[in-house]
Amino acid sequence: MAEQISMPSSMGGLVRYFDDFKTKVELSPNFVVGVIVAIVILEYAFHNLI
């Protein structure tokens, strides 16, 4: 049988910075989608009024 060779595991130079940094302002995805929808509606309304 062939002998199994164990290769060292590596991350390939990738560094995860999100574990070290915590922001003070956190927005929920629902809030962001709501703001975008509101902007689109306002833009549509202003475009039709002028």
PDB file of N, CA and C in Angstrom:
ATOM      1  N   MET A   1       0.831  -1.184   0.000  1.00  0.00           N
ATOM      2  CA  MET A   1       0.000   0.000   0.000  1.00  0.00           C
ATOM      3  C   MET A   1       0.877   1.249   0.000  1.00  0.00           C
ATOM      4  N   ALA A   2       0.290   2.328  -0.479  1.00  0.00           N
ATOM      5  CA  ALA A   2       1.022   3.587  -0.528  1.00  0.00           C
ATOM      6  C   ALA A   2       1.041   4.227   0.856  1.00  0.00           C
ATOM      7  N   GLU A   3       2.143   4.851   1.158  1.00  0.00           N
ATOM      8  CA  GLU A   3       2.295   5.528   2.445  1.00  0.00           C
ATOM      9  C   GLU A   3       1.621   6.895   2.370  1.00  0.00           C
ATOM     10  N   GLN A   4       0.801   7.252   3.388  1.00  0.00           N
ATOM     11  CA  GLN A   4       0.118   8.548   3.395  1.00  0.00           C
ATOM     12  C   GLN A   4       1.060   9.608   3.943  1.00  0.00           C
ATOM     13  N   ILE A   5       1.100  10.740   3.243  1.00  0.00           N
ATOM     14  CA  ILE A   5       1.947  11.855   3.649  1.00  0.00           C
ATOM     15  C   ILE A   5       1.044  12.960   4.171  1.00  0.00           C
ATOM     16  N   SER A   6       1.330  13.456   5.351  1.00  0.00           N
ATOM     17  CA  SER A   6       0.548  14.536   5.947  1.00  0.00           C
ATOM     18  C   SER A   6       1.209  15.872   5.609  1.00  0.00           C
ATOM     19  N   MET A   7       0.452  16.732   4.934  1.00  0.00           N
ATOM     20  CA  MET A   7       0.948  18.055   4.576  1.00  0.00           C
ATOM     21  C   MET A   7       0.527  19.055   5.657  1.00  0.00           C
ATOM     22  N   PRO A   8       1.341  20.074   5.902  1.00  0.00           N
ATOM     23  CA  PRO A   8       0.969  21.078   6.909  1.00  0.00           C
ATOM     24  C   PRO A   8      -0.223  21.920   6.440  1.00  0.00           C
ATOM     25  N   SER A   9      -1.116  22.200   7.367  1.00  0.00           N
ATOM     26  CA  SER A   9      -2.282  23.021   7.064  1.00  0.00           C
ATOM     27  C   SER A   9      -1.890  24.490   7.133  1.00  0.00           C
ATOM     28  N   SER A  10      -2.381  25.269   6.196  1.00  0.00           N
ATOM     29  CA  SER A  10      -2.083  26.702   6.214  1.00  0.00           C
ATOM     30  C   SER A  10      -3.291  27.482   5.738  1.00  0.00           C
ATOM     31  N   MET A  11      -3.312  28.777   6.030  1.00  0.00           N
ATOM     32  CA  MET A  11      -4.404  29.647   5.612  1.00  0.00           C
ATOM     33  C   MET A  11      -4.077  30.337   4.294  1.00  0.00           C
ATOM     34  N   GLY A  12      -2.932  30.121   3.729  1.00  0.00           N
ATOM     35  CA  GLY A  12      -2.589  30.729   2.456  1.00  0.00           C
ATOM     36  C   GLY A  12      -2.401  32.226   2.538  1.00  0.00           C
ATOM     37  N   GLY A  13      -1.992  32.744   3.665  1.00  0.00           N
ATOM     38  CA  GLY A  13      -1.755  34.173   3.812  1.00  0.00           C
ATOM     39  C   GLY A  13      -3.003  34.975   4.146  1.00  0.00           C
ATOM     40  N   LEU A  14      -4.119  34.325   4.330  1.00  0.00           N
ATOM     41  CA  LEU A  14      -5.349  35.048   4.645  1.00  0.00           C
ATOM     42  C   LEU A  14      -5.384  35.398   6.128  1.00  0.00           C
ATOM     43  N   VAL A  15      -5.757  36.643   6.400  1.00  0.00           N
ATOM     44  CA  VAL A  15      -5.838  37.098   7.785  1.00  0.00           C
ATOM     45  C   VAL A  15      -7.265  37.555   8.032  1.00  0.00           C
ATOM     46  N   ARG A  16      -7.839  37.138   9.133  1.00  0.00           N
ATOM     47  CA  ARG A  16      -9.198  37.532   9.477  1.00  0.00           C
ATOM     48  C   ARG A  16      -9.141  38.681  10.476  1.00  0.00           C
ATOM     49  N   TYR A  17      -9.419  39.903   9.994  1.00  0.00           N
ATOM     50  CA  TYR A  17      -9.364  41.075  10.852  1.00  0.00           C
ATOM     51  C   TYR A  17     -10.681  41.327  11.570  1.00  0.00           C
ATOM     52  N   PHE A  18     -11.782  40.733  11.095  1.00  0.00           N
ATOM     53  CA  PHE A  18     -13.080  41.047  11.689  1.00  0.00           C
ATOM     54  C   PHE A  18     -13.187  40.551  13.120  1.00  0.00           C
ATOM     55  N   ASP A  19     -12.326  39.639  13.531  1.00  0.00           N
ATOM     56  CA  ASP A  19     -12.360  39.174  14.918  1.00  0.00           C
ATOM     57  C   ASP A  19     -11.808  40.220  15.880  1.00  0.00           C
ATOM     58  N   ASP A  20     -10.931  41.094  15.390  1.00  0.00           N
ATOM     59  CA  ASP A  20     -10.262  42.065  16.246  1.00  0.00           C
ATOM     60  C   ASP A  20     -11.001  43.393  16.340  1.00  0.00           C
ATOM     61  N   PHE A  21     -11.815  43.727  15.358  1.00  0.00           N
ATOM     62  CA  PHE A  21     -12.428  45.045  15.286  1.00  0.00           C
ATOM     63  C   PHE A  21     -13.925  44.942  15.554  1.00  0.00           C
ATOM     64  N   LYS A  22     -14.414  45.747  16.469  1.00  0.00           N
ATOM     65  CA  LYS A  22     -15.846  45.785  16.765  1.00  0.00           C
ATOM     66  C   LYS A  22     -16.311  47.230  16.615  1.00  0.00           C
ATOM     67  N   THR A  23     -17.281  47.462  15.747  1.00  0.00           N
ATOM     68  CA  THR A  23     -17.769  48.814  15.516  1.00  0.00           C
ATOM     69  C   THR A  23     -18.793  49.209  16.584  1.00  0.00           C
ATOM     70  N   LYS A  24     -18.928  50.507  16.813  1.00  0.00           N
ATOM     71  CA  LYS A  24     -19.884  51.001  17.793  1.00  0.00           C
ATOM     72  C   LYS A  24     -21.284  51.095  17.191  1.00  0.00           C
ATOM     73  N   VAL A  25     -21.363  51.273  15.876  1.00  0.00           N
ATOM     74  CA  VAL A  25     -22.645  51.408  15.197  1.00  0.00           C
ATOM     75  C   VAL A  25     -22.899  50.134  14.410  1.00  0.00           C
ATOM     76  N   GLU A  26     -23.984  49.448  14.741  1.00  0.00           N
ATOM     77  CA  GLU A  26     -24.350  48.240  14.016  1.00  0.00           C
ATOM     78  C   GLU A  26     -25.752  48.420  13.462  1.00  0.00           C
ATOM     79  N   LEU A  27     -25.892  48.227  12.148  1.00  0.00           N
ATOM     80  CA  LEU A  27     -27.180  48.368  11.487  1.00  0.00           C
ATOM     81  C   LEU A  27     -27.694  46.995  11.091  1.00  0.00           C
ATOM     82  N   SER A  28     -28.970  46.792  11.318  1.00  0.00           N
ATOM     83  CA  SER A  28     -29.557  45.509  10.924  1.00  0.00           C
ATOM     84  C   SER A  28     -29.790  45.513   9.415  1.00  0.00           C
ATOM     85  N   PRO A  29     -29.765  44.351   8.793  1.00  0.00           N
ATOM     86  CA  PRO A  29     -30.020  44.288   7.353  1.00  0.00           C
ATOM     87  C   PRO A  29     -31.415  44.807   6.978  1.00  0.00           C
ATOM     88  N   ASN A  30     -32.392  44.599   7.852  1.00  0.00           N
ATOM     89  CA  ASN A  30     -33.743  45.102   7.577  1.00  0.00           C
ATOM     90  C   ASN A  30     -33.769  46.633   7.522  1.00  0.00           C
ATOM     91  N   PHE A  31     -33.025  47.278   8.388  1.00  0.00           N
ATOM     92  CA  PHE A  31     -32.955  48.736   8.385  1.00  0.00           C
ATOM     93  C   PHE A  31     -32.327  49.251   7.096  1.00  0.00           C
ATOM     94  N   VAL A  32     -31.247  48.617   6.664  1.00  0.00           N
ATOM     95  CA  VAL A  32     -30.550  49.047   5.449  1.00  0.00           C
ATOM     96  C   VAL A  32     -31.463  48.887   4.232  1.00  0.00           C
ATOM     97  N   VAL A  33     -32.150  47.761   4.145  1.00  0.00           N
ATOM     98  CA  VAL A  33     -33.069  47.543   3.020  1.00  0.00           C
ATOM     99  C   VAL A  33     -34.212  48.557   3.069  1.00  0.00           C
ATOM    100  N   GLY A  34     -34.716  48.849   4.255  1.00  0.00           N
ATOM    101  CA  GLY A  34     -35.779  49.841   4.392  1.00  0.00           C
ATOM    102  C   GLY A  34     -35.351  51.225   3.943  1.00  0.00           C
ATOM    103  N   VAL A  35     -34.149  51.630   4.304  1.00  0.00           N
ATOM    104  CA  VAL A  35     -33.643  52.943   3.888  1.00  0.00           C
ATOM    105  C   VAL A  35     -33.481  52.988   2.367  1.00  0.00           C
ATOM    106  N   ILE A  36     -32.980  51.929   1.778  1.00  0.00           N
ATOM    107  CA  ILE A  36     -32.796  51.891   0.329  1.00  0.00           C
ATOM    108  C   ILE A  36     -34.145  51.969  -0.378  1.00  0.00           C
ATOM    109  N   VAL A  37     -35.138  51.224   0.118  1.00  0.00           N
ATOM    110  CA  VAL A  37     -36.478  51.272  -0.481  1.00  0.00           C
ATOM    111  C   VAL A  37     -37.069  52.670  -0.343  1.00  0.00           C
ATOM    112  N   ALA A  38     -36.889  53.306   0.802  1.00  0.00           N
ATOM    113  CA  ALA A  38     -37.411  54.663   1.006  1.00  0.00           C
ATOM    114  C   ALA A  38     -36.759  55.650   0.041  1.00  0.00           C
ATOM    115  N   ILE A  39     -35.470  55.521  -0.175  1.00  0.00           N
ATOM    116  CA  ILE A  39     -34.767  56.414  -1.104  1.00  0.00           C
ATOM    117  C   ILE A  39     -35.275  56.199  -2.529  1.00  0.00           C
ATOM    118  N   VAL A  40     -35.491  54.950  -2.902  1.00  0.00           N
ATOM    119  CA  VAL A  40     -36.007  54.667  -4.250  1.00  0.00           C
ATOM    120  C   VAL A  40     -37.398  55.264  -4.420  1.00  0.00           C
ATOM    121  N   ILE A  41     -38.257  55.132  -3.419  1.00  0.00           N
ATOM    122  CA  ILE A  41     -39.611  55.689  -3.501  1.00  0.00           C
ATOM    123  C   ILE A  41     -39.564  57.209  -3.587  1.00  0.00           C
ATOM    124  N   LEU A  42     -38.726  57.854  -2.763  1.00  0.00           N
ATOM    125  CA  LEU A  42     -38.593  59.312  -2.826  1.00  0.00           C
ATOM    126  C   LEU A  42     -38.054  59.760  -4.174  1.00  0.00           C
ATOM    127  N   GLU A  43     -37.083  59.065  -4.687  1.00  0.00           N
ATOM    128  CA  GLU A  43     -36.511  59.403  -5.993  1.00  0.00           C
ATOM    129  C   GLU A  43     -37.565  59.293  -7.086  1.00  0.00           C
ATOM    130  N   TYR A  44     -38.358  58.232  -7.033  1.00  0.00           N
ATOM    131  CA  TYR A  44     -39.436  58.037  -8.011  1.00  0.00           C
ATOM    132  C   TYR A  44     -40.477  59.152  -7.900  1.00  0.00           C
ATOM    133  N   ALA A  45     -40.844  59.514  -6.674  1.00  0.00           N
ATOM    134  CA  ALA A  45     -41.850  60.562  -6.457  1.00  0.00           C
ATOM    135  C   ALA A  45     -41.332  61.918  -6.944  1.00  0.00           C
ATOM    136  N   PHE A  46     -40.090  62.261  -6.639  1.00  0.00           N
ATOM    137  CA  PHE A  46     -39.524  63.537  -7.068  1.00  0.00           C
ATOM    138  C   PHE A  46     -39.365  63.587  -8.589  1.00  0.00           C
ATOM    139  N   HIS A  47     -39.071  62.467  -9.183  1.00  0.00           N
ATOM    140  CA  HIS A  47     -38.914  62.418 -10.645  1.00  0.00           C
ATOM    141  C   HIS A  47     -40.257  62.665 -11.337  1.00  0.00           C
ATOM    142  N   ASN A  48     -41.342  62.167 -10.779  1.00  0.00           N
ATOM    143  CA  ASN A  48     -42.648  62.340 -11.389  1.00  0.00           C
ATOM    144  C   ASN A  48     -43.264  63.695 -11.085  1.00  0.00           C
ATOM    145  N   LEU A  49     -42.853  64.364 -10.002  1.00  0.00           N
ATOM    146  CA  LEU A  49     -43.399  65.664  -9.668  1.00  0.00           C
ATOM    147  C   LEU A  49     -42.784  66.786 -10.490  1.00  0.00           C
ATOM    148  N   ILE A  50     -41.547  66.625 -10.872  1.00  0.00           N
ATOM    149  CA  ILE A  50     -40.838  67.704 -11.592  1.00  0.00           C
ATOM    150  C   ILE A  50     -40.852  67.458 -13.081  1.00  0.00           C
TER     151      ILE A  50
END
